[in-house]
Amino acid sequence: MAGVITAVEPSWIAPFSGLSPRGLSKLVAQLRKEGADAPSRGRPWRLPLVDRVLLVAAYWRTSLTLRQLAPLFGVSKSAASRVIDHLGPKLALKPRKRFAKDAVLIVDGTLVPTSDRSIAAQSKNYRYSTVHQVVIDADTRLVVVVGRPLPGNRHDSRGWEESGAKDAVGSAMTIADGGYQGTGLVIPHRRTKGEELPAWKEEHNRSHKRVRARVEHTFARMKSWKILRDCRLKGDGVHHAMLGIARLHNLALRG
């Protein structure tokens, strides 16, 4: 059975992956360099690498069930599941190891409703969720670090360290909201009871808020991959999806 959706037809790529045809080609070339298409034992893949990448991206982008998605690519449900399990981790964003001396980063946590209650907890969105610490470059707005998922009731001030984001960022200047009090990050000035902030601190807070809004815009773009609005994946699946979508987001942003 021939697949209905294929990267051979460029018009399918953007709606089902969030990438341009050029961006998808660039991603596939990177994956080949990383050995994602190396020969292995067992039955060869029915789909070429570019279509397997498109399948994984489409699963994250649309949040269709495998029973719905697999026929669109002309494969069985179990074959689609194997593609996602094999290729999903290989799409993960590699955290940046070095930052320029004058680099400014922004961190914030975002909730992802998650079905696997062994890693999720009830959170302020009244659902079982995981919380993910995401760090972006304030200048380029590219995602540079994604921390390990934590239960959704974990406060950002704890999640910053426990997710591994703090160690990944090192000494780079990082700004955050008031929820990161006591972490050593650059946060807004706080009022003391019964006192008003001086004008220069108010102005600093307004500037801080405008810059910090960039990470919220990043979350909005990342959540156009709908699996981050209701993740059915188990175990490390939500982490792999978050890392993979961060990589797709960066490619889409670069154009």
Protein backbone atom coordinates (compact mmCIF):
# COMPACT_ATOMS: atom_id res chain seq x y z
CA MET A 1 0.00 0.00 0.00
CA ALA A 2 1.51 3.34 -1.04
CA GLY A 3 1.72 5.98 1.64
CA VAL A 4 -0.66 8.89 1.32
CA ILE A 5 1.67 11.28 3.15
CA THR A 6 5.23 11.40 1.88
CA ALA A 7 8.07 13.92 1.82
CA VAL A 8 8.27 13.41 -1.95
CA GLU A 9 5.26 15.75 -2.11
CA PRO A 10 6.50 19.02 -0.50
CA SER A 11 2.97 20.26 0.23
CA TRP A 12 2.63 17.63 3.00
CA ILE A 13 5.74 18.72 4.89
CA ALA A 14 4.78 22.02 6.55
CA PRO A 15 1.30 21.01 7.81
CA PHE A 16 2.51 17.70 9.25
CA SER A 17 5.97 18.63 10.57
CA GLY A 18 6.00 22.38 11.19
CA LEU A 19 9.14 22.60 9.02
CA SER A 20 9.77 23.89 5.53
CA PRO A 21 10.96 21.34 2.94
CA ARG A 22 14.42 22.90 3.28
CA GLY A 23 14.30 22.53 7.06
CA LEU A 24 13.26 18.87 6.83
CA SER A 25 16.09 18.15 4.35
CA LYS A 26 18.56 19.82 6.70
CA LEU A 27 17.29 17.73 9.63
CA VAL A 28 17.54 14.47 7.68
CA ALA A 29 21.11 15.33 6.62
CA GLN A 30 22.03 15.97 10.26
CA LEU A 31 20.49 12.66 11.35
CA ARG A 32 22.42 10.75 8.68
CA LYS A 33 25.65 12.30 9.96
CA GLU A 34 24.67 11.21 13.47
CA GLY A 35 24.16 7.62 12.27
CA ALA A 36 20.37 7.49 12.53
CA ASP A 37 20.12 5.61 9.21
CA ALA A 38 22.93 3.12 9.83
CA PRO A 39 22.13 -0.46 8.73
CA SER A 40 20.93 -2.70 11.54
CA ARG A 41 19.90 -6.31 12.00
CA GLY A 42 16.37 -7.40 11.31
CA ARG A 43 13.79 -6.37 8.77
CA PRO A 44 14.69 -3.16 6.90
CA TRP A 45 12.48 -0.12 7.38
CA ARG A 46 9.63 0.10 4.89
CA LEU A 47 9.81 3.90 4.81
CA PRO A 48 12.92 5.89 3.85
CA LEU A 49 14.51 7.99 6.58
CA VAL A 50 12.91 11.24 5.40
CA ASP A 51 9.41 9.73 5.63
CA ARG A 52 10.16 8.20 9.03
CA VAL A 53 11.22 11.62 10.30
CA LEU A 54 8.04 13.10 8.83
CA LEU A 55 5.97 10.41 10.55
CA VAL A 56 7.48 11.18 13.98
CA ALA A 57 7.07 14.93 13.44
CA ALA A 58 3.47 14.40 12.29
CA TYR A 59 2.74 12.34 15.41
CA TRP A 60 4.01 15.18 17.60
CA ARG A 61 2.44 17.89 15.44
CA THR A 62 -1.09 16.47 15.16
CA SER A 63 -1.32 14.24 18.25
CA LEU A 64 -3.30 11.75 16.15
CA THR A 65 -3.39 8.24 17.59
CA LEU A 66 -1.15 5.66 15.92
CA ARG A 67 -4.27 3.88 14.70
CA GLN A 68 -5.22 7.09 12.85
CA LEU A 69 -1.73 8.09 11.70
CA ALA A 70 -0.27 4.80 10.48
CA PRO A 71 -2.62 4.33 7.47
CA LEU A 72 -1.80 7.85 6.30
CA PHE A 73 1.82 6.71 5.83
CA GLY A 74 0.88 3.30 4.45
CA VAL A 75 2.26 1.29 7.39
CA SER A 76 0.79 -0.76 10.22
CA LYS A 77 0.16 0.62 13.69
CA SER A 78 2.96 -1.50 15.14
CA ALA A 79 5.40 -0.34 12.43
CA ALA A 80 4.55 3.31 13.17
CA SER A 81 5.10 2.65 16.88
CA ARG A 82 8.54 1.15 16.17
CA VAL A 83 9.49 4.16 14.05
CA ILE A 84 8.56 6.56 16.86
CA ASP A 85 10.33 4.49 19.53
CA HIS A 86 13.49 4.21 17.41
CA LEU A 87 13.70 7.67 15.89
CA GLY A 88 12.10 9.86 18.57
CA PRO A 89 15.14 9.80 20.90
CA LYS A 90 17.49 10.44 17.96
CA LEU A 91 15.69 13.71 17.18
CA ALA A 92 16.54 15.07 20.63
CA LEU A 93 18.05 18.53 20.92
CA LYS A 94 21.68 18.41 22.02
CA PRO A 95 22.15 20.91 24.89
CA ARG A 96 24.63 23.65 24.15
CA LYS A 97 27.87 23.10 26.06
CA ARG A 98 29.39 26.55 25.77
CA PHE A 99 27.97 30.05 25.82
CA ALA A 100 29.51 33.35 24.79
CA LYS A 101 30.74 35.52 27.65
CA ASP A 102 28.09 38.15 26.90
CA ALA A 103 25.26 35.63 26.36
CA VAL A 104 21.96 36.28 28.14
CA LEU A 105 19.64 33.31 28.69
CA ILE A 106 16.03 33.12 29.84
CA VAL A 107 14.53 30.21 31.78
CA ASP A 108 10.98 29.29 32.69
CA GLY A 109 8.98 26.17 33.41
CA THR A 110 6.09 24.96 31.30
CA LEU A 111 3.45 22.34 32.11
CA VAL A 112 2.71 19.44 29.77
CA PRO A 113 -0.46 17.43 30.59
CA THR A 114 0.85 13.85 30.78
CA SER A 115 -1.07 10.58 30.95
CA ASP A 116 1.68 8.61 32.70
CA ARG A 117 0.91 9.24 36.36
CA SER A 118 4.14 7.57 37.47
CA ILE A 119 5.99 10.72 36.35
CA ALA A 120 3.18 13.32 36.54
CA ALA A 121 1.33 15.04 39.39
CA GLN A 122 -1.72 17.25 39.72
CA SER A 123 -0.71 20.84 39.08
CA LYS A 124 -2.14 24.33 38.88
CA ASN A 125 -3.86 23.50 35.58
CA TYR A 126 -5.92 20.91 37.56
CA ARG A 127 -4.54 18.07 35.45
CA TYR A 128 -1.81 15.49 35.83
CA SER A 129 1.20 17.16 34.26
CA THR A 130 4.96 17.20 34.05
CA VAL A 131 6.89 20.46 34.29
CA HIS A 132 9.84 21.16 32.01
CA GLN A 133 12.53 23.79 32.54
CA VAL A 134 13.29 25.39 29.17
CA VAL A 135 16.21 27.76 28.59
CA ILE A 136 16.42 29.98 25.52
CA ASP A 137 19.00 32.40 24.17
CA ALA A 138 17.53 35.88 24.69
CA ASP A 139 19.09 37.16 21.46
CA THR A 140 18.35 34.37 18.96
CA ARG A 141 15.32 32.94 20.86
CA LEU A 142 16.60 29.44 20.14
CA VAL A 143 16.11 26.73 22.76
CA VAL A 144 19.50 25.83 24.23
CA VAL A 145 18.59 23.54 27.17
CA VAL A 146 15.57 21.44 28.17
CA GLY A 147 15.66 19.96 31.66
CA ARG A 148 14.42 16.52 32.63
CA PRO A 149 10.66 16.36 33.28
CA LEU A 150 9.52 16.62 36.89
CA PRO A 151 6.07 16.16 38.49
CA GLY A 152 3.83 19.12 37.68
CA ASN A 153 3.53 20.25 41.31
CA ARG A 154 7.28 20.93 41.55
CA HIS A 155 8.07 24.61 42.09
CA ASP A 156 10.32 26.29 39.54
CA SER A 157 12.88 27.24 42.18
CA ARG A 158 13.41 23.52 42.89
CA GLY A 159 12.94 22.36 39.31
CA TRP A 160 15.75 24.64 38.11
CA GLU A 161 18.30 22.51 39.94
CA GLU A 162 16.59 19.11 40.04
CA SER A 163 15.91 19.02 36.28
CA GLY A 164 19.60 19.47 35.45
CA ALA A 165 19.02 22.85 33.77
CA LYS A 166 21.22 24.66 36.29
CA ASP A 167 24.20 22.40 35.64
CA ALA A 168 23.70 22.63 31.87
CA VAL A 169 23.70 26.46 31.92
CA GLY A 170 26.69 26.81 34.23
CA SER A 171 27.74 30.39 34.92
CA ALA A 172 25.96 32.02 31.98
CA MET A 173 23.79 35.03 32.91
CA THR A 174 20.20 33.80 33.15
CA ILE A 175 17.05 35.77 33.86
CA ALA A 176 13.82 34.38 35.26
CA ASP A 177 10.55 35.38 36.88
CA GLY A 178 9.91 35.86 40.60
CA GLY A 179 9.26 32.15 41.08
CA TYR A 180 13.02 31.56 41.02
CA GLN A 181 13.71 33.49 44.21
CA GLY A 182 16.78 32.21 46.04
CA THR A 183 18.34 30.54 42.98
CA GLY A 184 20.85 33.29 42.18
CA LEU A 185 19.19 34.05 38.83
CA VAL A 186 18.34 37.59 37.73
CA ILE A 187 14.72 38.11 38.84
CA PRO A 188 12.47 41.20 39.18
CA HIS A 189 12.85 43.53 42.16
CA ARG A 190 10.39 42.68 44.91
CA ARG A 191 8.36 45.13 46.99
CA THR A 192 8.67 45.03 50.75
CA LYS A 193 5.45 45.26 52.71
CA GLY A 194 4.18 48.82 52.97
CA GLU A 195 6.80 50.27 50.61
CA GLU A 196 6.81 51.21 46.94
CA LEU A 197 9.67 50.49 44.57
CA PRO A 198 11.68 53.50 43.40
CA ALA A 199 11.11 54.56 39.78
CA TRP A 200 14.36 53.07 38.50
CA LYS A 201 13.43 49.64 39.90
CA GLU A 202 9.96 49.86 38.34
CA GLU A 203 11.54 50.66 34.98
CA HIS A 204 13.98 47.79 35.40
CA ASN A 205 11.09 45.42 36.12
CA ARG A 206 9.22 46.57 33.00
CA SER A 207 12.32 45.98 30.87
CA HIS A 208 12.88 42.61 32.53
CA LYS A 209 9.28 41.58 31.80
CA ARG A 210 9.53 42.55 28.11
CA VAL A 211 12.65 40.44 27.65
CA ARG A 212 11.32 37.52 29.70
CA ALA A 213 8.19 37.39 27.52
CA ARG A 214 10.34 35.83 24.78
CA VAL A 215 10.34 32.49 26.56
CA GLU A 216 6.53 32.57 26.73
CA HIS A 217 6.45 33.14 22.97
CA THR A 218 8.74 30.12 22.61
CA PHE A 219 6.32 27.97 24.62
CA ALA A 220 3.45 29.09 22.38
CA ARG A 221 5.40 28.10 19.25
CA MET A 222 6.51 24.77 20.71
CA LYS A 223 2.95 23.89 21.69
CA SER A 224 1.82 24.16 18.10
CA TRP A 225 3.13 20.57 18.19
CA LYS A 226 -0.06 19.40 19.84
CA ILE A 227 1.34 16.44 21.73
CA LEU A 228 2.59 18.99 24.29
CA ARG A 229 -1.04 19.89 25.00
CA ASP A 230 -1.95 16.32 26.00
CA CYS A 231 0.87 13.77 25.95
CA ARG A 232 -0.14 10.10 25.83
CA LEU A 233 3.44 8.80 25.77
CA LYS A 234 4.74 6.72 28.67
CA GLY A 235 8.06 6.77 30.51
CA ASP A 236 10.71 8.84 28.76
CA GLY A 237 8.34 9.56 25.84
CA VAL A 238 7.36 13.04 27.05
CA HIS A 239 11.04 13.94 27.54
CA HIS A 240 11.97 12.70 24.05
CA ALA A 241 9.04 14.61 22.57
CA MET A 242 10.01 17.82 24.38
CA LEU A 243 13.65 17.55 23.24
CA GLY A 244 12.68 16.64 19.68
CA ILE A 245 10.17 19.48 19.41
CA ALA A 246 12.80 21.90 20.74
CA ARG A 247 15.03 20.84 17.85
CA LEU A 248 12.21 21.19 15.33
CA HIS A 249 11.35 24.61 16.79
CA ASN A 250 14.95 25.78 16.34
CA LEU A 251 15.03 24.58 12.73
CA ALA A 252 11.71 26.27 11.97
CA LEU A 253 12.92 29.51 13.58
CA ARG A 254 16.11 29.53 11.52
CA GLY A 255 14.03 29.10 8.37
